[in-house]
Protein backbone atom coordinates (compact mmCIF):
# COMPACT_ATOMS: atom_id res chain seq x y z
CA MET A 1 -0.19 0.22 -0.04
CA ALA A 2 2.76 2.66 0.97
CA GLN A 3 4.53 1.74 -2.70
CA GLN A 4 1.32 2.64 -4.33
CA ILE A 5 0.58 5.91 -2.69
CA THR A 6 4.63 6.52 -3.34
CA GLN A 7 3.74 5.77 -6.93
CA MET A 8 0.98 8.29 -7.08
CA MET A 9 2.69 11.15 -5.11
CA ALA A 10 5.43 10.92 -7.47
CA SER A 11 5.62 11.10 -11.59
CA LEU A 12 8.58 9.55 -13.82
CA GLU A 13 10.55 11.95 -15.89
CA THR A 14 12.76 10.61 -18.48
CA THR A 15 16.22 11.92 -18.91
CA ASP A 16 18.87 10.75 -21.40
CA ASP A 17 22.33 10.15 -20.17
CA GLY A 18 24.53 8.62 -22.91
CA GLU A 19 23.31 5.26 -23.71
CA ASP A 20 20.73 4.48 -20.77
CA ASN A 21 17.22 6.14 -20.44
CA ILE A 22 16.95 6.19 -16.62
CA GLN A 23 13.68 7.01 -15.05
CA GLN A 24 14.04 9.51 -11.86
CA PRO A 25 11.12 10.39 -9.96
CA GLN A 26 9.99 14.13 -10.04
CA MET A 27 9.09 15.19 -6.43
CA TYR A 28 6.53 18.05 -5.83
CA ALA A 29 5.82 20.59 -2.69
CA LYS A 30 3.26 18.69 -0.26
CA ASN A 31 0.66 21.34 -1.02
CA SER A 32 1.07 20.95 -4.73
CA MET A 33 -2.11 19.83 -6.86
CA ASP A 34 0.43 18.38 -9.30
CA ARG A 35 1.68 15.67 -7.21
CA PHE A 36 -1.40 13.64 -8.01
CA GLY A 37 -1.58 12.72 -11.78
CA ASP A 38 -4.42 14.15 -14.25
CA ASP A 39 -6.61 11.45 -13.87
CA MET A 40 -6.99 11.74 -10.16
CA CYS A 41 -7.17 15.55 -10.31
CA ALA A 42 -10.13 14.78 -13.00
CA LEU A 43 -12.02 12.76 -10.85
CA ILE A 44 -11.78 15.32 -7.85
CA LEU A 45 -12.53 18.36 -10.18
CA SER A 46 -15.68 15.91 -11.77
CA TYR A 47 -17.73 16.52 -8.49
CA ILE A 48 -17.91 20.63 -8.82
CA THR A 49 -20.81 21.85 -10.45
CA PHE A 50 -20.29 23.41 -14.56
CA GLU A 51 -20.07 27.20 -13.31
CA ASP A 52 -17.49 26.41 -10.93
CA ARG A 53 -15.45 24.74 -13.43
CA PHE A 54 -14.99 27.96 -15.04
CA ARG A 55 -13.41 29.54 -12.06
CA TYR A 56 -11.14 26.75 -10.53
CA GLU A 57 -9.61 26.26 -14.05
CA CYS A 58 -7.18 29.32 -13.22
CA VAL A 59 -5.73 27.27 -10.36
CA SER A 60 -2.89 25.63 -12.24
CA LYS A 61 -2.04 24.54 -15.97
CA GLN A 62 -3.34 20.99 -14.47
CA PHE A 63 -6.65 22.26 -13.68
CA GLN A 64 -7.10 24.19 -17.16
CA ARG A 65 -5.77 20.34 -18.79
CA THR A 66 -8.66 18.26 -16.73
CA VAL A 67 -11.35 20.61 -15.46
CA PHE A 68 -13.78 20.05 -18.50
CA GLU A 69 -12.31 16.62 -19.14
CA SER A 70 -15.26 14.89 -17.69
CA VAL A 71 -18.06 17.11 -19.08
CA ASP A 72 -20.00 14.96 -21.60
CA TYR A 73 -23.59 16.55 -20.78
CA ILE A 74 -24.42 20.06 -20.72
CA LEU A 75 -28.13 21.23 -19.75
CA ILE A 76 -28.72 24.58 -21.19
CA TYR A 77 -31.69 26.81 -19.22
CA ASN A 78 -32.63 29.97 -19.36
CA ARG A 79 -30.03 31.59 -16.63
CA LEU A 80 -26.98 30.36 -19.17
CA ILE A 81 -28.63 32.08 -21.87
CA GLU A 82 -29.27 35.25 -19.90
CA LYS A 83 -25.25 35.19 -19.36
CA ILE A 84 -24.51 34.80 -22.85
CA LEU A 85 -26.72 37.42 -24.40
CA SER A 86 -25.60 40.75 -25.66
CA GLY A 87 -28.84 42.85 -26.06
CA LYS A 88 -31.47 40.54 -27.73
CA THR A 89 -28.67 38.37 -29.68
CA ILE A 90 -26.29 35.61 -28.47
CA ASN A 91 -22.42 36.10 -27.90
CA VAL A 92 -21.81 33.54 -30.28
CA GLN A 93 -17.95 34.19 -29.32
CA MET A 94 -18.44 33.25 -25.95
CA LEU A 95 -20.52 30.59 -26.42
CA ALA A 96 -18.06 29.05 -28.61
CA THR A 97 -15.40 29.47 -26.23
CA ILE A 98 -17.32 27.16 -23.90
CA ALA A 99 -18.14 24.79 -26.62
CA ILE A 100 -14.12 24.43 -27.14
CA LYS A 101 -13.46 24.28 -23.45
CA CYS A 102 -16.15 21.22 -23.34
CA ALA A 103 -14.77 19.36 -26.55
CA ASN A 104 -16.04 15.87 -24.75
CA ILE A 105 -19.81 16.81 -25.16
CA GLN A 106 -21.40 13.84 -26.04
CA THR A 107 -25.28 15.14 -25.05
CA ILE A 108 -26.80 18.24 -25.09
CA ASP A 109 -30.21 19.00 -23.58
CA CYS A 110 -32.06 22.32 -24.30
CA ARG A 111 -35.29 21.26 -22.95
CA GLY A 112 -34.60 23.65 -20.01
CA ILE A 113 -35.02 26.99 -21.85
CA GLY A 114 -38.31 28.48 -21.84
CA TYR A 115 -40.43 30.18 -24.14
CA THR A 116 -38.73 33.70 -23.87
CA TYR A 117 -35.51 32.19 -25.41
CA GLU A 118 -36.76 29.59 -27.61
CA ARG A 119 -35.89 31.10 -30.89
CA HIS A 120 -32.11 30.92 -29.63
CA ILE A 121 -32.32 26.97 -29.58
CA PRO A 122 -31.07 26.65 -33.27
CA GLU A 123 -27.79 29.24 -32.93
CA VAL A 124 -27.08 27.36 -29.31
CA LEU A 125 -26.94 24.03 -31.35
CA THR A 126 -25.14 24.97 -34.52
CA THR A 127 -22.29 26.38 -32.30
CA PHE A 128 -22.13 23.08 -30.15
CA ARG A 129 -21.92 21.03 -33.23
CA ASP A 130 -19.31 23.02 -34.84
CA ASN A 131 -17.00 22.86 -31.72
CA CYS A 132 -17.40 19.41 -30.05
CA ARG A 133 -16.89 16.62 -32.48
CA HIS A 134 -18.37 13.74 -30.12
CA LEU A 135 -21.62 15.47 -30.08
CA ARG A 136 -24.14 12.68 -30.93
CA ASP A 137 -27.55 12.95 -28.69
CA ILE A 138 -29.64 16.40 -28.56
CA CYS A 139 -32.58 16.61 -26.25
CA THR A 140 -34.65 19.62 -27.24
CA LYS A 141 -38.06 21.18 -27.97
CA LEU A 142 -39.61 22.03 -31.54
CA VAL A 143 -40.59 25.45 -32.02
CA ASN A 144 -42.28 27.40 -35.03
CA ASP A 145 -39.07 27.69 -36.80
CA SER A 146 -37.76 24.49 -36.15
CA SER A 147 -37.99 23.25 -39.76
CA LYS A 148 -34.40 24.24 -40.84
CA SER A 149 -32.51 23.21 -37.78
CA LEU A 150 -34.35 19.66 -38.04
CA GLN A 151 -33.12 19.30 -41.62
CA THR A 152 -29.31 20.06 -39.72
CA PHE A 153 -29.57 18.23 -36.62
CA GLY A 154 -32.53 15.91 -36.78
CA SER A 155 -30.27 12.98 -37.02
CA LEU A 156 -29.23 13.81 -33.58
CA VAL A 157 -32.31 14.58 -31.95
CA THR A 158 -33.06 11.83 -29.74
CA GLU A 159 -35.31 13.45 -27.21
CA ILE A 160 -38.03 16.04 -27.85
CA GLY A 161 -40.14 18.04 -25.18
CA SER A 162 -43.15 19.63 -25.41
CA PHE A 163 -43.94 20.59 -28.89
CA SER A 164 -47.02 21.69 -31.83
CA PRO A 165 -47.37 19.26 -34.48
CA ILE A 166 -45.42 20.14 -37.43
CA HIS A 167 -44.55 17.58 -40.44
CA GLU A 168 -40.77 18.12 -39.73
CA LEU A 169 -40.63 15.36 -37.21
CA ILE A 170 -40.01 12.79 -39.77
CA ASP A 171 -36.39 13.85 -40.00
CA CYS A 172 -35.92 12.65 -36.28
CA GLN A 173 -34.93 9.23 -37.21
CA ARG A 174 -33.16 8.41 -34.04
CA LEU A 175 -36.05 9.75 -31.63
CA SER A 176 -36.49 7.53 -28.89
CA LYS A 177 -37.96 9.74 -26.23
CA MET A 178 -40.69 12.55 -26.50
CA SER A 179 -43.68 14.42 -24.67
CA THR A 180 -46.48 15.97 -26.13
CA MET A 181 -49.96 17.45 -25.42
CA ARG A 182 -51.98 14.32 -26.96
CA ILE A 183 -51.36 11.24 -29.33
CA SER A 184 -52.81 13.10 -32.20
CA ASP A 185 -49.97 15.45 -32.13
CA VAL A 186 -47.40 12.95 -33.76
CA PHE A 187 -49.51 12.27 -36.68
CA ASP A 188 -49.37 14.39 -39.97
CA THR A 189 -52.45 16.99 -39.53
CA THR A 190 -52.71 16.81 -43.26
CA SER A 191 -52.47 13.43 -44.60
CA GLY A 192 -52.35 11.44 -41.41
CA ARG A 193 -49.40 9.78 -41.50
CA LEU A 194 -47.46 8.86 -38.53
CA LEU A 195 -44.70 10.80 -37.82
CA VAL A 196 -42.53 8.91 -35.16
CA LYS A 197 -41.58 5.23 -34.79
CA ASN A 198 -39.73 2.68 -32.69
CA LEU A 199 -39.73 5.28 -29.60
CA ARG A 200 -38.88 3.78 -26.22
CA ARG A 201 -40.74 6.44 -24.32
CA ILE A 202 -43.50 8.73 -24.70
CA GLU A 203 -45.54 11.38 -22.26
CA LEU A 204 -48.99 12.46 -23.05
CA ARG A 205 -50.31 15.47 -20.96
CA THR A 206 -53.84 13.66 -21.89
CA HIS A 207 -56.20 11.15 -23.66
CA SER A 208 -59.66 10.69 -24.45
CA SER A 209 -62.14 8.25 -26.48
CA ASP A 210 -61.38 10.39 -29.50
CA SER A 211 -58.14 8.75 -29.94
CA LYS A 212 -58.80 5.11 -30.09
CA GLU A 213 -57.90 4.58 -33.55
CA LEU A 214 -55.00 6.99 -33.41
CA LEU A 215 -53.77 5.05 -30.51
CA SER A 216 -54.20 1.77 -31.97
CA ALA A 217 -51.83 3.05 -34.81
CA PHE A 218 -49.04 4.33 -32.88
CA VAL A 219 -49.06 1.20 -30.91
CA ALA A 220 -48.47 -0.87 -33.81
CA HIS A 221 -45.28 0.63 -34.99
CA ASN A 222 -43.99 1.63 -31.55
CA GLN A 223 -43.49 -2.17 -30.27
CA SER A 224 -40.42 -1.50 -28.66
CA LEU A 225 -42.15 1.22 -26.34
CA LYS A 226 -40.84 0.54 -22.59
CA SER A 227 -42.31 3.66 -20.97
CA PHE A 228 -45.66 5.01 -21.15
CA THR A 229 -47.32 8.07 -19.39
CA VAL A 230 -50.48 9.78 -19.33
CA ASP A 231 -50.90 12.69 -16.71
CA LEU A 232 -54.66 12.86 -17.29
CA ILE A 233 -57.55 10.43 -18.39
CA ASN A 234 -60.90 11.98 -17.70
CA LEU A 235 -63.47 9.13 -17.13
CA ARG A 236 -66.30 10.88 -17.81
CA PHE A 237 -67.30 7.45 -19.85
CA ASP A 238 -65.50 4.42 -19.44
CA LYS A 239 -64.13 3.93 -22.81
CA PRO A 240 -60.75 5.71 -22.45
CA LEU A 241 -59.05 3.99 -20.23
CA THR A 242 -60.72 0.74 -21.31
CA GLU A 243 -59.39 1.26 -24.73
CA MET A 244 -55.84 2.61 -23.49
CA SER A 245 -55.44 -0.52 -21.55
CA GLU A 246 -56.28 -2.81 -24.57
CA GLN A 247 -53.71 -0.96 -26.48
CA LEU A 248 -51.14 -1.23 -23.90
CA SER A 249 -51.32 -4.65 -23.91
CA ARG A 250 -49.90 -5.34 -27.10
CA LEU A 251 -46.84 -3.98 -26.14
CA PRO A 252 -44.31 -6.94 -25.08
CA GLN A 253 -41.51 -4.77 -23.82
CA LEU A 254 -43.55 -2.33 -21.53
CA ARG A 255 -41.76 -2.03 -18.14
CA GLU A 256 -42.85 1.28 -17.17
CA LEU A 257 -46.75 2.75 -16.85
CA THR A 258 -47.85 6.11 -15.14
CA LEU A 259 -51.35 6.72 -14.95
CA GLY A 260 -53.20 10.39 -13.55
CA VAL A 261 -57.38 9.47 -13.62
CA TYR A 262 -59.90 11.28 -12.81
CA LEU A 263 -62.65 9.38 -11.87
CA MET A 264 -66.61 10.57 -12.57
CA SER A 265 -68.52 7.42 -13.27
CA ASP A 266 -67.95 3.65 -13.04
CA GLU A 267 -64.74 2.93 -10.95
CA ASN A 268 -64.71 -0.83 -12.37
CA SER A 269 -63.07 0.29 -15.48
CA LEU A 270 -59.99 1.26 -13.55
CA SER A 271 -59.95 -1.92 -11.86
CA GLU A 272 -60.79 -4.08 -15.21
CA SER A 273 -58.04 -1.82 -17.28
CA LEU A 274 -55.11 -2.94 -14.55
CA ARG A 275 -56.41 -6.27 -14.62
CA THR A 276 -56.01 -6.51 -18.53
CA ILE A 277 -52.77 -4.97 -17.97
CA GLY A 278 -51.33 -7.14 -15.59
CA LEU A 279 -52.37 -10.14 -17.47
CA ASN A 280 -51.15 -9.24 -20.64
CA CYS A 281 -47.94 -7.06 -20.05
CA LYS A 282 -45.53 -9.74 -18.64
CA GLN A 283 -42.57 -7.23 -18.43
CA LEU A 284 -44.24 -4.31 -16.71
CA GLN A 285 -42.28 -3.73 -13.29
CA ARG A 286 -42.96 0.03 -12.47
CA LEU A 287 -46.46 1.12 -11.97
CA ALA A 288 -47.72 5.04 -10.69
CA LEU A 289 -51.00 5.72 -10.36
CA GLN A 290 -52.53 9.23 -9.48
CA LEU A 291 -56.19 9.08 -8.45
CA SER A 292 -58.79 11.98 -7.94
CA SER A 293 -62.17 12.17 -8.62
CA TRP A 294 -65.38 14.51 -7.89
CA SER A 295 -66.59 12.67 -5.06
CA HIS A 296 -65.55 13.36 -1.52
CA GLN A 297 -63.96 9.54 -0.61
CA LEU A 298 -62.43 6.69 -3.26
CA THR A 299 -63.94 3.43 -1.30
CA GLY A 300 -64.54 -0.22 -2.67
CA SER A 301 -62.79 -2.34 -5.28
CA LEU A 302 -60.79 0.48 -7.46
CA ILE A 303 -57.58 -0.72 -7.61
CA ASN A 304 -58.31 -4.65 -7.14
CA GLY A 305 -56.90 -5.43 -10.65
CA LEU A 306 -53.10 -4.70 -8.74
CA GLN A 307 -53.15 -7.95 -7.68
CA ASN A 308 -52.84 -9.57 -11.44
CA ASN A 309 -49.90 -7.39 -11.69
CA HIS A 310 -47.43 -10.13 -9.89
CA LYS A 311 -44.00 -8.83 -11.36
CA LEU A 312 -44.42 -5.08 -9.74
CA LYS A 313 -41.42 -3.78 -8.21
CA ARG A 314 -42.36 -0.36 -8.01
CA LEU A 315 -45.47 1.06 -7.09
CA SER A 316 -46.26 4.80 -6.65
CA LEU A 317 -49.70 5.44 -5.57
CA THR A 318 -51.31 9.10 -4.77
CA ILE A 319 -55.00 9.73 -3.64
CA VAL A 320 -55.92 13.31 -2.78
CA LEU A 321 -59.25 11.88 -1.48
CA ASP A 322 -60.32 10.19 1.43
CA THR A 323 -60.14 6.14 1.25
CA ASP A 324 -61.47 3.34 3.23
CA GLU A 325 -59.06 0.26 4.40
CA GLU A 326 -60.85 -1.96 1.64
CA LEU A 327 -59.54 0.18 -1.17
CA LEU A 328 -55.76 -0.45 0.00
CA GLU A 329 -55.98 -3.93 0.39
CA PRO A 330 -54.70 -5.06 -3.16
CA LEU A 331 -51.28 -3.60 -2.01
CA LYS A 332 -50.97 -6.77 0.02
CA LEU A 333 -51.02 -8.98 -2.71
CA CYS A 334 -47.74 -7.06 -4.72
CA HIS A 335 -45.32 -9.38 -2.77
CA ARG A 336 -42.64 -8.68 -5.06
CA LEU A 337 -42.03 -4.97 -4.31
CA THR A 338 -38.77 -3.60 -3.89
CA HIS A 339 -40.20 0.36 -3.73
CA LEU A 340 -43.37 1.67 -2.62
CA THR A 341 -44.55 5.27 -2.36
CA LEU A 342 -47.65 5.81 -0.63
CA ASP A 343 -49.00 9.73 -1.13
CA LEU A 344 -52.34 9.60 1.16
CA LYS A 345 -54.61 11.76 2.86
CA GLN A 346 -54.80 9.05 5.93
CA MET A 347 -51.65 6.36 6.48
CA SER A 348 -54.04 3.09 7.45
CA ASP A 349 -52.36 1.12 10.61
CA GLN A 350 -54.13 -1.67 9.08
CA LEU A 351 -52.14 -1.83 5.79
CA MET A 352 -48.78 -2.44 7.87
CA VAL A 353 -49.83 -4.77 10.48
CA ASN A 354 -48.20 -7.94 8.42
CA CYS A 355 -45.75 -5.48 6.42
CA ASP A 356 -42.82 -8.02 6.67
CA LYS A 357 -44.93 -10.49 5.40
CA GLN A 358 -46.76 -9.12 2.41
CA TRP A 359 -43.53 -7.29 1.46
CA PRO A 360 -40.73 -9.26 2.32
CA ARG A 361 -38.18 -7.45 -0.22
CA LEU A 362 -38.99 -3.90 0.20
CA GLN A 363 -36.08 -1.86 0.24
CA TYR A 364 -37.43 1.75 -0.17
CA LEU A 365 -40.75 2.70 1.77
CA SER A 366 -42.05 6.42 1.25
CA ILE A 367 -45.32 7.68 3.16
CA LYS A 368 -46.69 11.18 2.65
CA ALA A 369 -49.95 11.56 4.80
CA ASN A 370 -51.93 14.32 6.92
CA ALA A 371 -51.72 11.73 9.86
CA MET A 372 -49.68 8.90 11.34
CA THR A 373 -49.58 6.40 14.04
CA GLY A 374 -46.50 5.35 16.35
CA GLU A 375 -48.10 1.69 15.85
CA CYS A 376 -47.95 2.32 12.31
CA LEU A 377 -43.89 2.89 12.33
CA SER A 378 -43.82 -0.26 14.66
CA HIS A 379 -45.03 -2.13 11.80
CA ILE A 380 -42.79 -0.61 9.32
CA SER A 381 -39.78 -1.23 11.63
CA ARG A 382 -40.44 -5.07 11.26
CA LEU A 383 -39.24 -5.04 7.26
CA PRO A 384 -36.75 -7.28 6.96
CA ALA A 385 -35.05 -5.99 3.88
CA LEU A 386 -35.59 -2.14 4.39
CA GLN A 387 -32.97 0.11 3.38
CA MET A 388 -34.64 3.70 3.21
CA LEU A 389 -37.47 4.99 4.81
CA VAL A 390 -38.90 8.33 3.86
CA ILE A 391 -41.74 9.88 5.95
CA LYS A 392 -43.82 13.17 5.48
CA VAL A 393 -46.25 13.97 7.78
CA LYS A 394 -48.18 17.20 7.86
CA GLY A 395 -47.43 18.98 11.04
CA ARG A 396 -45.22 16.60 12.46
CA ASP A 397 -41.45 16.51 12.06
CA ASP A 398 -40.13 14.38 14.54
CA PHE A 399 -40.69 10.76 15.12
CA SER A 400 -37.61 10.40 17.23
CA ASP A 401 -40.00 8.96 20.31
CA TYR A 402 -40.74 5.83 18.13
CA PHE A 403 -37.35 4.88 17.49
CA SER A 404 -34.60 3.23 19.63
CA ASP A 405 -30.76 2.96 19.32
């Protein structure tokens, strides 16, 4: 060990003495960063923020060599744009200097640029593309003037944020992740042609029964989909969720599903949809449900279909209304869970009575509620595999009385 440390603290310098090349150790002062190799220095610098790298590069020549070496991803947001603006235009020279320093960038994410500065996105991407030869992935949003930039960057675009439907989307052949308002946005408004294929993730803001045929066509050409999110399904009628579950059942690789459901009519449609998904989506391991309703309380067999999702490992359940104990009973049958997140108005003691037997593999438990008892914590303490516990109870920050050394 001592020998390894000695080798780390000294670099070898080659000198020419006649016929033999002799390696002699170059010693540095104890307070000099140069006594560490570039690899060690780069590792240390990789923990500082992107902005701090520009402040610290003047510390030494070694810092200048290594401070930007580990930067392979950059998130561009409003604050950065504000700093490089000169009047209403971007200081291209300053932006180019940043790009040249960060020559190893592979991914650029522009989705953090707000509406005020969206017009600068093409110029930002052009500057980084011209100075970062390793650039291969662009995460961006599509704006009204995107046609020219897509012709240039379409082959690099892999993720797209919210956008309005435009024909140029067809140029993004490597697109794998996207979010949009509704499923109709990924179809050409004139010809009806599907503009995206072979996606891995999609996030929709809303879904309605009017999109049945479009969703069917989308699923048929995106069998590689692994993650599907819908922020709001308005169940004024049963059909939207029932039809969606039938289409999702055709996705053989689906692993992650997030559904935000507003209940207004027959609650059995949710349970039946969960049952259909559980029986057909054999790879599904992560499920997030966010439930709300016009009523004041959710009761009965609303989520009974969960018991058919046998391979679930991660479950997140958010209910903004009062619930009865019967409604949460299906959670006890999800025996493979390793991660469980509950956001409820009232945490039931009964749910946790035999938690050590019903969730023997649970490693992460997060509970957010308006009220919780010490008895509930006592049950949680028996979880055999638990590694992290997060509790947020309204009006109470200290549960130390219920934990012992």
